[in-house]
Amino acid sequence: MKNFENSLQGKQLKKEIEDAIRVLDKHGVASQNGRTLYFPNSRVDDLEKELNDVERQLKQIEKGYWGHRLEAQFNRATQTKDAQEAEAALKQALNTPNGREVQADAERLIKEIQKNVKVTDLPK
């Protein structure tokens, strides 16, 4: 919605999101294979502050004029013929042998991650 993007609240939300991304870009380091993100403990508070700012802005928007407008727009978008056809196609695809295989693979992946991935060096 262009009107929202140009509103004061839209501009404030965009700024808060950009601030959070800037902290991630400045301090986050991805491994060469792209499978790991390192973010130093010394900067976690900086990132948390920026994400809290985003959350606070979203809560303000949610309670006001734009929150109701955006929710109504989302609800309308999910009720279109295209959205309903996409949902039906997804359900149908998930009921095929390949779809069930993808679901099983995703479940196995989740179990493997829970079993083998450990978060280390937690901030105090």
PDB file of N, CA and C in Angstrom:
ATOM      1  N   MET A   1       0.832  -1.170   0.000  1.00  0.00           N
ATOM      2  CA  MET A   1       0.000   0.000   0.000  1.00  0.00           C
ATOM      3  C   MET A   1       0.885   1.244   0.000  1.00  0.00           C
ATOM      4  N   LYS A   2       0.864   1.935  -1.090  1.00  0.00           N
ATOM      5  CA  LYS A   2       1.679   3.143  -1.224  1.00  0.00           C
ATOM      6  C   LYS A   2       1.322   4.179  -0.162  1.00  0.00           C
ATOM      7  N   ASN A   3       0.033   4.314   0.153  1.00  0.00           N
ATOM      8  CA  ASN A   3      -0.376   5.307   1.152  1.00  0.00           C
ATOM      9  C   ASN A   3       0.287   5.034   2.495  1.00  0.00           C
ATOM     10  N   PHE A   4       0.364   3.741   2.870  1.00  0.00           N
ATOM     11  CA  PHE A   4       1.007   3.396   4.138  1.00  0.00           C
ATOM     12  C   PHE A   4       2.494   3.710   4.080  1.00  0.00           C
ATOM     13  N   GLU A   5       3.143   3.340   2.977  1.00  0.00           N
ATOM     14  CA  GLU A   5       4.578   3.590   2.848  1.00  0.00           C
ATOM     15  C   GLU A   5       4.911   5.064   2.975  1.00  0.00           C
ATOM     16  N   ASN A   6       4.016   5.918   2.517  1.00  0.00           N
ATOM     17  CA  ASN A   6       4.250   7.362   2.562  1.00  0.00           C
ATOM     18  C   ASN A   6       3.770   8.015   3.851  1.00  0.00           C
ATOM     19  N   SER A   7       3.096   7.242   4.701  1.00  0.00           N
ATOM     20  CA  SER A   7       2.604   7.806   5.964  1.00  0.00           C
ATOM     21  C   SER A   7       3.746   7.915   6.964  1.00  0.00           C
ATOM     22  N   LEU A   8       3.533   8.697   8.002  1.00  0.00           N
ATOM     23  CA  LEU A   8       4.535   8.855   9.052  1.00  0.00           C
ATOM     24  C   LEU A   8       4.868   7.506   9.681  1.00  0.00           C
ATOM     25  N   GLN A   9       3.830   6.714   9.996  1.00  0.00           N
ATOM     26  CA  GLN A   9       4.069   5.412  10.621  1.00  0.00           C
ATOM     27  C   GLN A   9       4.808   4.468   9.667  1.00  0.00           C
ATOM     28  N   GLY A  10       4.466   4.515   8.387  1.00  0.00           N
ATOM     29  CA  GLY A  10       5.150   3.676   7.405  1.00  0.00           C
ATOM     30  C   GLY A  10       6.622   4.030   7.303  1.00  0.00           C
ATOM     31  N   LYS A  11       6.906   5.315   7.280  1.00  0.00           N
ATOM     32  CA  LYS A  11       8.301   5.772   7.204  1.00  0.00           C
ATOM     33  C   LYS A  11       9.070   5.407   8.470  1.00  0.00           C
ATOM     34  N   GLN A  12       8.402   5.522   9.630  1.00  0.00           N
ATOM     35  CA  GLN A  12       9.064   5.171  10.888  1.00  0.00           C
ATOM     36  C   GLN A  12       9.367   3.679  10.941  1.00  0.00           C
ATOM     37  N   LEU A  13       8.421   2.855  10.500  1.00  0.00           N
ATOM     38  CA  LEU A  13       8.649   1.411  10.489  1.00  0.00           C
ATOM     39  C   LEU A  13       9.801   1.062   9.557  1.00  0.00           C
ATOM     40  N   LYS A  14       9.816   1.650   8.394  1.00  0.00           N
ATOM     41  CA  LYS A  14      10.896   1.398   7.440  1.00  0.00           C
ATOM     42  C   LYS A  14      12.251   1.759   8.048  1.00  0.00           C
ATOM     43  N   LYS A  15      12.317   2.895   8.731  1.00  0.00           N
ATOM     44  CA  LYS A  15      13.566   3.318   9.362  1.00  0.00           C
ATOM     45  C   LYS A  15      14.004   2.319  10.432  1.00  0.00           C
ATOM     46  N   GLU A  16      13.074   1.855  11.251  1.00  0.00           N
ATOM     47  CA  GLU A  16      13.424   0.908  12.315  1.00  0.00           C
ATOM     48  C   GLU A  16      13.924  -0.411  11.730  1.00  0.00           C
ATOM     49  N   ILE A  17      13.287  -0.881  10.682  1.00  0.00           N
ATOM     50  CA  ILE A  17      13.724  -2.116  10.031  1.00  0.00           C
ATOM     51  C   ILE A  17      15.114  -1.931   9.429  1.00  0.00           C
ATOM     52  N   GLU A  18      15.327  -0.806   8.768  1.00  0.00           N
ATOM     53  CA  GLU A  18      16.646  -0.524   8.181  1.00  0.00           C
ATOM     54  C   GLU A  18      17.723  -0.450   9.260  1.00  0.00           C
ATOM     55  N   ASP A  19      17.392   0.100  10.425  1.00  0.00           N
ATOM     56  CA  ASP A  19      18.362   0.163  11.526  1.00  0.00           C
ATOM     57  C   ASP A  19      18.756  -1.250  11.980  1.00  0.00           C
ATOM     58  N   ALA A  20      17.777  -2.138  12.101  1.00  0.00           N
ATOM     59  CA  ALA A  20      18.063  -3.514  12.513  1.00  0.00           C
ATOM     60  C   ALA A  20      18.921  -4.217  11.459  1.00  0.00           C
ATOM     61  N   ILE A  21      18.598  -4.019  10.199  1.00  0.00           N
ATOM     62  CA  ILE A  21      19.372  -4.643   9.122  1.00  0.00           C
ATOM     63  C   ILE A  21      20.803  -4.108   9.118  1.00  0.00           C
ATOM     64  N   ARG A  22      20.950  -2.815   9.388  1.00  0.00           N
ATOM     65  CA  ARG A  22      22.280  -2.211   9.413  1.00  0.00           C
ATOM     66  C   ARG A  22      23.158  -2.863  10.497  1.00  0.00           C
ATOM     67  N   VAL A  23      22.582  -3.146  11.672  1.00  0.00           N
ATOM     68  CA  VAL A  23      23.334  -3.805  12.744  1.00  0.00           C
ATOM     69  C   VAL A  23      23.743  -5.211  12.295  1.00  0.00           C
ATOM     70  N   LEU A  24      22.811  -5.935  11.675  1.00  0.00           N
ATOM     71  CA  LEU A  24      23.144  -7.275  11.186  1.00  0.00           C
ATOM     72  C   LEU A  24      24.239  -7.226  10.128  1.00  0.00           C
ATOM     73  N   ASP A  25      24.114  -6.306   9.186  1.00  0.00           N
ATOM     74  CA  ASP A  25      25.110  -6.182   8.123  1.00  0.00           C
ATOM     75  C   ASP A  25      26.483  -5.799   8.676  1.00  0.00           C
ATOM     76  N   LYS A  26      26.484  -4.914   9.659  1.00  0.00           N
ATOM     77  CA  LYS A  26      27.746  -4.411  10.194  1.00  0.00           C
ATOM     78  C   LYS A  26      28.480  -5.460  11.033  1.00  0.00           C
ATOM     79  N   HIS A  27      27.740  -6.253  11.794  1.00  0.00           N
ATOM     80  CA  HIS A  27      28.390  -7.132  12.761  1.00  0.00           C
ATOM     81  C   HIS A  27      28.227  -8.633  12.476  1.00  0.00           C
ATOM     82  N   GLY A  28      27.250  -9.009  11.681  1.00  0.00           N
ATOM     83  CA  GLY A  28      27.046 -10.425  11.383  1.00  0.00           C
ATOM     84  C   GLY A  28      28.012 -10.893  10.308  1.00  0.00           C
ATOM     85  N   VAL A  29      28.526 -12.116  10.466  1.00  0.00           N
ATOM     86  CA  VAL A  29      29.455 -12.677   9.496  1.00  0.00           C
ATOM     87  C   VAL A  29      28.968 -14.069   9.120  1.00  0.00           C
ATOM     88  N   ALA A  30      28.725 -14.261   7.830  1.00  0.00           N
ATOM     89  CA  ALA A  30      28.300 -15.580   7.340  1.00  0.00           C
ATOM     90  C   ALA A  30      29.534 -16.399   7.006  1.00  0.00           C
ATOM     91  N   SER A  31      29.444 -17.704   7.222  1.00  0.00           N
ATOM     92  CA  SER A  31      30.548 -18.576   6.848  1.00  0.00           C
ATOM     93  C   SER A  31      30.627 -18.660   5.328  1.00  0.00           C
ATOM     94  N   GLN A  32      31.733 -19.197   4.821  1.00  0.00           N
ATOM     95  CA  GLN A  32      31.917 -19.286   3.369  1.00  0.00           C
ATOM     96  C   GLN A  32      30.842 -20.138   2.714  1.00  0.00           C
ATOM     97  N   ASN A  33      30.414 -21.188   3.382  1.00  0.00           N
ATOM     98  CA  ASN A  33      29.387 -22.049   2.784  1.00  0.00           C
ATOM     99  C   ASN A  33      27.983 -21.502   3.007  1.00  0.00           C
ATOM    100  N   GLY A  34      27.867 -20.410   3.750  1.00  0.00           N
ATOM    101  CA  GLY A  34      26.579 -19.779   3.960  1.00  0.00           C
ATOM    102  C   GLY A  34      25.671 -20.509   4.929  1.00  0.00           C
ATOM    103  N   ARG A  35      26.185 -21.513   5.610  1.00  0.00           N
ATOM    104  CA  ARG A  35      25.353 -22.315   6.500  1.00  0.00           C
ATOM    105  C   ARG A  35      25.395 -21.836   7.947  1.00  0.00           C
ATOM    106  N   THR A  36      26.279 -20.916   8.243  1.00  0.00           N
ATOM    107  CA  THR A  36      26.446 -20.463   9.617  1.00  0.00           C
ATOM    108  C   THR A  36      26.512 -18.938   9.642  1.00  0.00           C
ATOM    109  N   LEU A  37      25.869 -18.360  10.611  1.00  0.00           N
ATOM    110  CA  LEU A  37      25.959 -16.920  10.822  1.00  0.00           C
ATOM    111  C   LEU A  37      26.575 -16.702  12.192  1.00  0.00           C
ATOM    112  N   TYR A  38      27.642 -15.962  12.223  1.00  0.00           N
ATOM    113  CA  TYR A  38      28.268 -15.605  13.488  1.00  0.00           C
ATOM    114  C   TYR A  38      27.859 -14.182  13.824  1.00  0.00           C
ATOM    115  N   PHE A  39      27.387 -13.992  15.010  1.00  0.00           N
ATOM    116  CA  PHE A  39      27.043 -12.657  15.485  1.00  0.00           C
ATOM    117  C   PHE A  39      27.651 -12.524  16.869  1.00  0.00           C
ATOM    118  N   PRO A  40      28.549 -11.563  17.055  1.00  0.00           N
ATOM    119  CA  PRO A  40      29.272 -11.471  18.327  1.00  0.00           C
ATOM    120  C   PRO A  40      28.361 -11.122  19.505  1.00  0.00           C
ATOM    121  N   ASN A  41      28.628 -11.772  20.613  1.00  0.00           N
ATOM    122  CA  ASN A  41      27.852 -11.515  21.832  1.00  0.00           C
ATOM    123  C   ASN A  41      27.886 -10.049  22.227  1.00  0.00           C
ATOM    124  N   SER A  42      28.996  -9.402  21.957  1.00  0.00           N
ATOM    125  CA  SER A  42      29.138  -8.001  22.358  1.00  0.00           C
ATOM    126  C   SER A  42      28.171  -7.091  21.612  1.00  0.00           C
ATOM    127  N   ARG A  43      27.545  -7.583  20.549  1.00  0.00           N
ATOM    128  CA  ARG A  43      26.622  -6.766  19.757  1.00  0.00           C
ATOM    129  C   ARG A  43      25.164  -7.234  19.854  1.00  0.00           C
ATOM    130  N   VAL A  44      24.908  -8.259  20.637  1.00  0.00           N
ATOM    131  CA  VAL A  44      23.544  -8.779  20.769  1.00  0.00           C
ATOM    132  C   VAL A  44      22.616  -7.719  21.344  1.00  0.00           C
ATOM    133  N   ASP A  45      23.094  -6.950  22.314  1.00  0.00           N
ATOM    134  CA  ASP A  45      22.258  -5.893  22.903  1.00  0.00           C
ATOM    135  C   ASP A  45      21.876  -4.846  21.859  1.00  0.00           C
ATOM    136  N   ASP A  46      22.821  -4.525  20.951  1.00  0.00           N
ATOM    137  CA  ASP A  46      22.532  -3.564  19.884  1.00  0.00           C
ATOM    138  C   ASP A  46      21.410  -4.079  18.984  1.00  0.00           C
ATOM    139  N   LEU A  47      21.519  -5.346  18.601  1.00  0.00           N
ATOM    140  CA  LEU A  47      20.501  -5.939  17.734  1.00  0.00           C
ATOM    141  C   LEU A  47      19.168  -6.029  18.459  1.00  0.00           C
ATOM    142  N   GLU A  48      19.199  -6.434  19.716  1.00  0.00           N
ATOM    143  CA  GLU A  48      17.959  -6.540  20.493  1.00  0.00           C
ATOM    144  C   GLU A  48      17.254  -5.189  20.592  1.00  0.00           C
ATOM    145  N   LYS A  49      18.022  -4.133  20.812  1.00  0.00           N
ATOM    146  CA  LYS A  49      17.439  -2.790  20.890  1.00  0.00           C
ATOM    147  C   LYS A  49      16.727  -2.444  19.589  1.00  0.00           C
ATOM    148  N   GLU A  50      17.372  -2.712  18.463  1.00  0.00           N
ATOM    149  CA  GLU A  50      16.771  -2.380  17.171  1.00  0.00           C
ATOM    150  C   GLU A  50      15.530  -3.236  16.898  1.00  0.00           C
ATOM    151  N   LEU A  51      15.580  -4.515  17.235  1.00  0.00           N
ATOM    152  CA  LEU A  51      14.411  -5.379  17.026  1.00  0.00           C
ATOM    153  C   LEU A  51      13.264  -4.987  17.948  1.00  0.00           C
ATOM    154  N   ASN A  52      13.586  -4.545  19.153  1.00  0.00           N
ATOM    155  CA  ASN A  52      12.545  -4.047  20.061  1.00  0.00           C
ATOM    156  C   ASN A  52      11.897  -2.789  19.501  1.00  0.00           C
ATOM    157  N   ASP A  53      12.698  -1.947  18.850  1.00  0.00           N
ATOM    158  CA  ASP A  53      12.142  -0.742  18.219  1.00  0.00           C
ATOM    159  C   ASP A  53      11.165  -1.122  17.105  1.00  0.00           C
ATOM    160  N   VAL A  54      11.521  -2.134  16.311  1.00  0.00           N
ATOM    161  CA  VAL A  54      10.635  -2.610  15.241  1.00  0.00           C
ATOM    162  C   VAL A  54       9.337  -3.137  15.853  1.00  0.00           C
ATOM    163  N   GLU A  55       9.468  -3.951  16.893  1.00  0.00           N
ATOM    164  CA  GLU A  55       8.285  -4.517  17.553  1.00  0.00           C
ATOM    165  C   GLU A  55       7.386  -3.416  18.116  1.00  0.00           C
ATOM    166  N   ARG A  56       7.980  -2.433  18.762  1.00  0.00           N
ATOM    167  CA  ARG A  56       7.207  -1.323  19.344  1.00  0.00           C
ATOM    168  C   ARG A  56       6.457  -0.570  18.242  1.00  0.00           C
ATOM    169  N   GLN A  57       7.124  -0.335  17.122  1.00  0.00           N
ATOM    170  CA  GLN A  57       6.487   0.373  16.011  1.00  0.00           C
ATOM    171  C   GLN A  57       5.337  -0.444  15.439  1.00  0.00           C
ATOM    172  N   LEU A  58       5.544  -1.752  15.292  1.00  0.00           N
ATOM    173  CA  LEU A  58       4.477  -2.622  14.765  1.00  0.00           C
ATOM    174  C   LEU A  58       3.264  -2.636  15.691  1.00  0.00           C
ATOM    175  N   LYS A  59       3.510  -2.647  16.995  1.00  0.00           N
ATOM    176  CA  LYS A  59       2.393  -2.638  17.948  1.00  0.00           C
ATOM    177  C   LYS A  59       1.605  -1.341  17.860  1.00  0.00           C
ATOM    178  N   GLN A  60       2.303  -0.230  17.673  1.00  0.00           N
ATOM    179  CA  GLN A  60       1.604   1.044  17.521  1.00  0.00           C
ATOM    180  C   GLN A  60       0.751   1.036  16.257  1.00  0.00           C
ATOM    181  N   ILE A  61       1.310   0.519  15.188  1.00  0.00           N
ATOM    182  CA  ILE A  61       0.578   0.458  13.916  1.00  0.00           C
ATOM    183  C   ILE A  61      -0.638  -0.444  14.051  1.00  0.00           C
ATOM    184  N   GLU A  62      -0.445  -1.582  14.696  1.00  0.00           N
ATOM    185  CA  GLU A  62      -1.519  -2.572  14.842  1.00  0.00           C
ATOM    186  C   GLU A  62      -2.746  -1.987  15.534  1.00  0.00           C
ATOM    187  N   LYS A  63      -2.539  -1.119  16.501  1.00  0.00           N
ATOM    188  CA  LYS A  63      -3.643  -0.559  17.290  1.00  0.00           C
ATOM    189  C   LYS A  63      -4.370   0.579  16.580  1.00  0.00           C
ATOM    190  N   GLY A  64      -3.743   1.159  15.588  1.00  0.00           N
ATOM    191  CA  GLY A  64      -4.300   2.367  14.998  1.00  0.00           C
ATOM    192  C   GLY A  64      -4.966   2.160  13.650  1.00  0.00           C
ATOM    193  N   TYR A  65      -5.143   3.256  12.985  1.00  0.00           N
ATOM    194  CA  TYR A  65      -5.817   3.328  11.691  1.00  0.00           C
ATOM    195  C   TYR A  65      -5.200   2.359  10.689  1.00  0.00           C
ATOM    196  N   TRP A  66      -3.885   2.385  10.572  1.00  0.00           N
ATOM    197  CA  TRP A  66      -3.236   1.558   9.552  1.00  0.00           C
ATOM    198  C   TRP A  66      -3.317   0.073   9.880  1.00  0.00           C
ATOM    199  N   GLY A  67      -3.301  -0.272  11.128  1.00  0.00           N
ATOM    200  CA  GLY A  67      -3.399  -1.685  11.499  1.00  0.00           C
ATOM    201  C   GLY A  67      -4.677  -2.307  10.981  1.00  0.00           C
ATOM    202  N   HIS A  68      -5.776  -1.598  11.174  1.00  0.00           N
ATOM    203  CA  HIS A  68      -7.074  -2.107  10.714  1.00  0.00           C
ATOM    204  C   HIS A  68      -7.131  -2.145   9.188  1.00  0.00           C
ATOM    205  N   ARG A  69      -6.579  -1.128   8.545  1.00  0.00           N
ATOM    206  CA  ARG A  69      -6.564  -1.089   7.079  1.00  0.00           C
ATOM    207  C   ARG A  69      -5.712  -2.212   6.501  1.00  0.00           C
ATOM    208  N   LEU A  70      -4.527  -2.423   7.084  1.00  0.00           N
ATOM    209  CA  LEU A  70      -3.632  -3.466   6.580  1.00  0.00           C
ATOM    210  C   LEU A  70      -4.219  -4.857   6.803  1.00  0.00           C
ATOM    211  N   GLU A  71      -4.842  -5.045   7.956  1.00  0.00           N
ATOM    212  CA  GLU A  71      -5.476  -6.341   8.236  1.00  0.00           C
ATOM    213  C   GLU A  71      -6.612  -6.595   7.252  1.00  0.00           C
ATOM    214  N   ALA A  72      -7.416  -5.596   6.993  1.00  0.00           N
ATOM    215  CA  ALA A  72      -8.520  -5.740   6.035  1.00  0.00           C
ATOM    216  C   ALA A  72      -7.972  -6.048   4.636  1.00  0.00           C
ATOM    217  N   GLN A  73      -6.902  -5.367   4.258  1.00  0.00           N
ATOM    218  CA  GLN A  73      -6.287  -5.598   2.942  1.00  0.00           C
ATOM    219  C   GLN A  73      -5.770  -7.031   2.846  1.00  0.00           C
ATOM    220  N   PHE A  74      -5.116  -7.508   3.904  1.00  0.00           N
ATOM    221  CA  PHE A  74      -4.611  -8.879   3.924  1.00  0.00           C
ATOM    222  C   PHE A  74      -5.763  -9.874   3.813  1.00  0.00           C
ATOM    223  N   ASN A  75      -6.809  -9.639   4.574  1.00  0.00           N
ATOM    224  CA  ASN A  75      -7.964 -10.542   4.527  1.00  0.00           C
ATOM    225  C   ASN A  75      -8.594 -10.574   3.138  1.00  0.00           C
ATOM    226  N   ARG A  76      -8.699  -9.413   2.503  1.00  0.00           N
ATOM    227  CA  ARG A  76      -9.233  -9.377   1.133  1.00  0.00           C
ATOM    228  C   ARG A  76      -8.330 -10.149   0.180  1.00  0.00           C
ATOM    229  N   ALA A  77      -7.028  -9.979   0.339  1.00  0.00           N
ATOM    230  CA  ALA A  77      -6.079 -10.646  -0.560  1.00  0.00           C
ATOM    231  C   ALA A  77      -6.159 -12.167  -0.419  1.00  0.00           C
ATOM    232  N   THR A  78      -6.393 -12.659   0.785  1.00  0.00           N
ATOM    233  CA  THR A  78      -6.449 -14.115   0.976  1.00  0.00           C
ATOM    234  C   THR A  78      -7.779 -14.705   0.526  1.00  0.00           C
ATOM    235  N   GLN A  79      -8.751 -13.854   0.245  1.00  0.00           N
ATOM    236  CA  GLN A  79     -10.058 -14.338  -0.194  1.00  0.00           C
ATOM    237  C   GLN A  79     -10.245 -14.261  -1.707  1.00  0.00           C
ATOM    238  N   THR A  80      -9.222 -13.853  -2.428  1.00  0.00           N
ATOM    239  CA  THR A  80      -9.360 -13.758  -3.884  1.00  0.00           C
ATOM    240  C   THR A  80      -9.391 -15.144  -4.500  1.00  0.00           C
ATOM    241  N   LYS A  81      -9.884 -15.203  -5.709  1.00  0.00           N
ATOM    242  CA  LYS A  81      -9.936 -16.470  -6.436  1.00  0.00           C
ATOM    243  C   LYS A  81      -8.521 -17.043  -6.591  1.00  0.00           C
ATOM    244  N   ASP A  82      -7.555 -16.191  -6.927  1.00  0.00           N
ATOM    245  CA  ASP A  82      -6.173 -16.655  -7.084  1.00  0.00           C
ATOM    246  C   ASP A  82      -5.628 -17.259  -5.792  1.00  0.00           C
ATOM    247  N   ALA A  83      -5.882 -16.598  -4.665  1.00  0.00           N
ATOM    248  CA  ALA A  83      -5.389 -17.097  -3.380  1.00  0.00           C
ATOM    249  C   ALA A  83      -6.038 -18.430  -3.037  1.00  0.00           C
ATOM    250  N   GLN A  84      -7.320 -18.549  -3.280  1.00  0.00           N
ATOM    251  CA  GLN A  84      -8.018 -19.799  -2.994  1.00  0.00           C
ATOM    252  C   GLN A  84      -7.530 -20.924  -3.905  1.00  0.00           C
ATOM    253  N   GLU A  85      -7.268 -20.600  -5.174  1.00  0.00           N
ATOM    254  CA  GLU A  85      -6.732 -21.601  -6.097  1.00  0.00           C
ATOM    255  C   GLU A  85      -5.325 -22.038  -5.688  1.00  0.00           C
ATOM    256  N   ALA A  86      -4.514 -21.084  -5.237  1.00  0.00           N
ATOM    257  CA  ALA A  86      -3.163 -21.417  -4.789  1.00  0.00           C
ATOM    258  C   ALA A  86      -3.207 -22.318  -3.555  1.00  0.00           C
ATOM    259  N   GLU A  87      -4.112 -22.017  -2.627  1.00  0.00           N
ATOM    260  CA  GLU A  87      -4.244 -22.847  -1.428  1.00  0.00           C
ATOM    261  C   GLU A  87      -4.697 -24.258  -1.794  1.00  0.00           C
ATOM    262  N   ALA A  88      -5.660 -24.361  -2.697  1.00  0.00           N
ATOM    263  CA  ALA A  88      -6.144 -25.676  -3.130  1.00  0.00           C
ATOM    264  C   ALA A  88      -5.038 -26.456  -3.840  1.00  0.00           C
ATOM    265  N   ALA A  89      -4.255 -25.764  -4.670  1.00  0.00           N
ATOM    266  CA  ALA A  89      -3.157 -26.421  -5.382  1.00  0.00           C
ATOM    267  C   ALA A  89      -2.099 -26.927  -4.409  1.00  0.00           C
ATOM    268  N   LEU A  90      -1.812 -26.139  -3.381  1.00  0.00           N
ATOM    269  CA  LEU A  90      -0.838 -26.565  -2.377  1.00  0.00           C
ATOM    270  C   LEU A  90      -1.329 -27.794  -1.630  1.00  0.00           C
ATOM    271  N   LYS A  91      -2.583 -27.763  -1.211  1.00  0.00           N
ATOM    272  CA  LYS A  91      -3.145 -28.923  -0.509  1.00  0.00           C
ATOM    273  C   LYS A  91      -3.109 -30.166  -1.387  1.00  0.00           C
ATOM    274  N   GLN A  92      -3.452 -29.991  -2.663  1.00  0.00           N
ATOM    275  CA  GLN A  92      -3.440 -31.106  -3.594  1.00  0.00           C
ATOM    276  C   GLN A  92      -2.007 -31.625  -3.778  1.00  0.00           C
ATOM    277  N   ALA A  93      -1.055 -30.705  -3.909  1.00  0.00           N
ATOM    278  CA  ALA A  93       0.343 -31.113  -4.097  1.00  0.00           C
ATOM    279  C   ALA A  93       0.864 -31.878  -2.885  1.00  0.00           C
ATOM    280  N   LEU A  94       0.456 -31.464  -1.697  1.00  0.00           N
ATOM    281  CA  LEU A  94       0.919 -32.137  -0.484  1.00  0.00           C
ATOM    282  C   LEU A  94       0.315 -33.524  -0.328  1.00  0.00           C
ATOM    283  N   ASN A  95      -0.764 -33.797  -1.038  1.00  0.00           N
ATOM    284  CA  ASN A  95      -1.392 -35.120  -0.975  1.00  0.00           C
ATOM    285  C   ASN A  95      -0.876 -36.071  -2.045  1.00  0.00           C
ATOM    286  N   THR A  96       0.147 -35.676  -2.789  1.00  0.00           N
ATOM    287  CA  THR A  96       0.758 -36.566  -3.778  1.00  0.00           C
ATOM    288  C   THR A  96       1.906 -37.316  -3.111  1.00  0.00           C
ATOM    289  N   PRO A  97       2.377 -38.397  -3.732  1.00  0.00           N
ATOM    290  CA  PRO A  97       3.547 -39.094  -3.167  1.00  0.00           C
ATOM    291  C   PRO A  97       4.745 -38.151  -2.981  1.00  0.00           C
ATOM    292  N   ASN A  98       5.005 -37.291  -3.956  1.00  0.00           N
ATOM    293  CA  ASN A  98       6.122 -36.348  -3.819  1.00  0.00           C
ATOM    294  C   ASN A  98       5.882 -35.369  -2.680  1.00  0.00           C
ATOM    295  N   GLY A  99       4.654 -34.896  -2.542  1.00  0.00           N
ATOM    296  CA  GLY A  99       4.324 -33.969  -1.471  1.00  0.00           C
ATOM    297  C   GLY A  99       4.509 -34.596  -0.103  1.00  0.00           C
ATOM    298  N   ARG A 100       4.061 -35.833   0.044  1.00  0.00           N
ATOM    299  CA  ARG A 100       4.239 -36.536   1.317  1.00  0.00           C
ATOM    300  C   ARG A 100       5.730 -36.767   1.591  1.00  0.00           C
ATOM    301  N   GLU A 101       6.500 -37.026   0.527  1.00  0.00           N
ATOM    302  CA  GLU A 101       7.945 -37.221   0.687  1.00  0.00           C
ATOM    303  C   GLU A 101       8.608 -35.927   1.160  1.00  0.00           C
ATOM    304  N   VAL A 102       8.203 -34.804   0.582  1.00  0.00           N
ATOM    305  CA  VAL A 102       8.748 -33.511   1.009  1.00  0.00           C
ATOM    306  C   VAL A 102       8.397 -33.248   2.474  1.00  0.00           C
ATOM    307  N   GLN A 103       7.162 -33.538   2.857  1.00  0.00           N
ATOM    308  CA  GLN A 103       6.757 -33.350   4.256  1.00  0.00           C
ATOM    309  C   GLN A 103       7.602 -34.230   5.176  1.00  0.00           C
ATOM    310  N   ALA A 104       7.797 -35.484   4.796  1.00  0.00           N
ATOM    311  CA  ALA A 104       8.601 -36.397   5.613  1.00  0.00           C
ATOM    312  C   ALA A 104      10.043 -35.908   5.704  1.00  0.00           C
ATOM    313  N   ASP A 105      10.592 -35.424   4.579  1.00  0.00           N
ATOM    314  CA  ASP A 105      11.958 -34.885   4.592  1.00  0.00           C
ATOM    315  C   ASP A 105      12.063 -33.690   5.529  1.00  0.00           C
ATOM    316  N   ALA A 106      11.074 -32.815   5.494  1.00  0.00           N
ATOM    317  CA  ALA A 106      11.081 -31.636   6.362  1.00  0.00           C
ATOM    318  C   ALA A 106      11.020 -32.055   7.833  1.00  0.00           C
ATOM    319  N   GLU A 107      10.195 -33.036   8.136  1.00  0.00           N
ATOM    320  CA  GLU A 107      10.099 -33.520   9.518  1.00  0.00           C
ATOM    321  C   GLU A 107      11.419 -34.140   9.974  1.00  0.00           C
ATOM    322  N   ARG A 108      12.063 -34.912   9.083  1.00  0.00           N
ATOM    323  CA  ARG A 108      13.371 -35.497   9.425  1.00  0.00           C
ATOM    324  C   ARG A 108      14.412 -34.403   9.635  1.00  0.00           C
ATOM    325  N   LEU A 109      14.381 -33.395   8.780  1.00  0.00           N
ATOM    326  CA  LEU A 109      15.324 -32.296   8.921  1.00  0.00           C
ATOM    327  C   LEU A 109      15.148 -31.601  10.268  1.00  0.00           C
ATOM    328  N   ILE A 110      13.919 -31.331  10.640  1.00  0.00           N
ATOM    329  CA  ILE A 110      13.652 -30.684  11.931  1.00  0.00           C
ATOM    330  C   ILE A 110      14.186 -31.533  13.080  1.00  0.00           C
ATOM    331  N   LYS A 111      13.946 -32.833  13.022  1.00  0.00           N
ATOM    332  CA  LYS A 111      14.441 -33.729  14.083  1.00  0.00           C
ATOM    333  C   LYS A 111      15.966 -33.720  14.135  1.00  0.00           C
ATOM    334  N   GLU A 112      16.617 -33.748  12.963  1.00  0.00           N
ATOM    335  CA  GLU A 112      18.077 -33.732  12.915  1.00  0.00           C
ATOM    336  C   GLU A 112      18.635 -32.430  13.467  1.00  0.00           C
ATOM    337  N   ILE A 113      17.986 -31.331  13.132  1.00  0.00           N
ATOM    338  CA  ILE A 113      18.437 -30.043  13.655  1.00  0.00           C
ATOM    339  C   ILE A 113      18.307 -30.024  15.173  1.00  0.00           C
ATOM    340  N   GLN A 114      17.171 -30.483  15.682  1.00  0.00           N
ATOM    341  CA  GLN A 114      16.964 -30.502  17.125  1.00  0.00           C
ATOM    342  C   GLN A 114      17.980 -31.414  17.809  1.00  0.00           C
ATOM    343  N   LYS A 115      18.339 -32.496  17.152  1.00  0.00           N
ATOM    344  CA  LYS A 115      19.265 -33.466  17.727  1.00  0.00           C
ATOM    345  C   LYS A 115      20.715 -32.997  17.651  1.00  0.00           C
ATOM    346  N   ASN A 116      21.106 -32.354  16.553  1.00  0.00           N
ATOM    347  CA  ASN A 116      22.525 -32.113  16.292  1.00  0.00           C
ATOM    348  C   ASN A 116      22.990 -30.663  16.384  1.00  0.00           C
ATOM    349  N   VAL A 117      22.089 -29.728  16.309  1.00  0.00           N
ATOM    350  CA  VAL A 117      22.521 -28.322  16.340  1.00  0.00           C
ATOM    351  C   VAL A 117      22.504 -27.832  17.770  1.00  0.00           C
ATOM    352  N   LYS A 118      23.631 -27.277  18.170  1.00  0.00           N
ATOM    353  CA  LYS A 118      23.738 -26.746  19.520  1.00  0.00           C
ATOM    354  C   LYS A 118      24.132 -25.291  19.432  1.00  0.00           C
ATOM    355  N   VAL A 119      23.466 -24.455  20.214  1.00  0.00           N
ATOM    356  CA  VAL A 119      23.818 -23.046  20.286  1.00  0.00           C
ATOM    357  C   VAL A 119      24.892 -22.929  21.360  1.00  0.00           C
ATOM    358  N   THR A 120      25.998 -22.316  20.975  1.00  0.00           N
ATOM    359  CA  THR A 120      27.100 -22.168  21.925  1.00  0.00           C
ATOM    360  C   THR A 120      27.382 -20.690  22.128  1.00  0.00           C
ATOM    361  N   ASP A 121      28.145 -20.427  23.141  1.00  0.00           N
ATOM    362  CA  ASP A 121      28.588 -19.080  23.423  1.00  0.00           C
ATOM    363  C   ASP A 121      27.405 -18.121  23.572  1.00  0.00           C
ATOM    364  N   LEU A 122      26.450 -18.526  24.420  1.00  0.00           N
ATOM    365  CA  LEU A 122      25.291 -17.693  24.682  1.00  0.00           C
ATOM    366  C   LEU A 122      25.671 -16.442  25.453  1.00  0.00           C
ATOM    367  N   PRO A 123      24.999 -15.322  25.172  1.00  0.00           N
ATOM    368  CA  PRO A 123      25.288 -14.111  25.944  1.00  0.00           C
ATOM    369  C   PRO A 123      24.857 -14.280  27.392  1.00  0.00           C
ATOM    370  N   LYS A 124      25.539 -13.591  28.268  1.00  0.00           N
ATOM    371  CA  LYS A 124      25.239 -13.713  29.703  1.00  0.00           C
ATOM    372  C   LYS A 124      24.096 -12.824  30.082  1.00  0.00           C
TER     373      LYS A 124
END
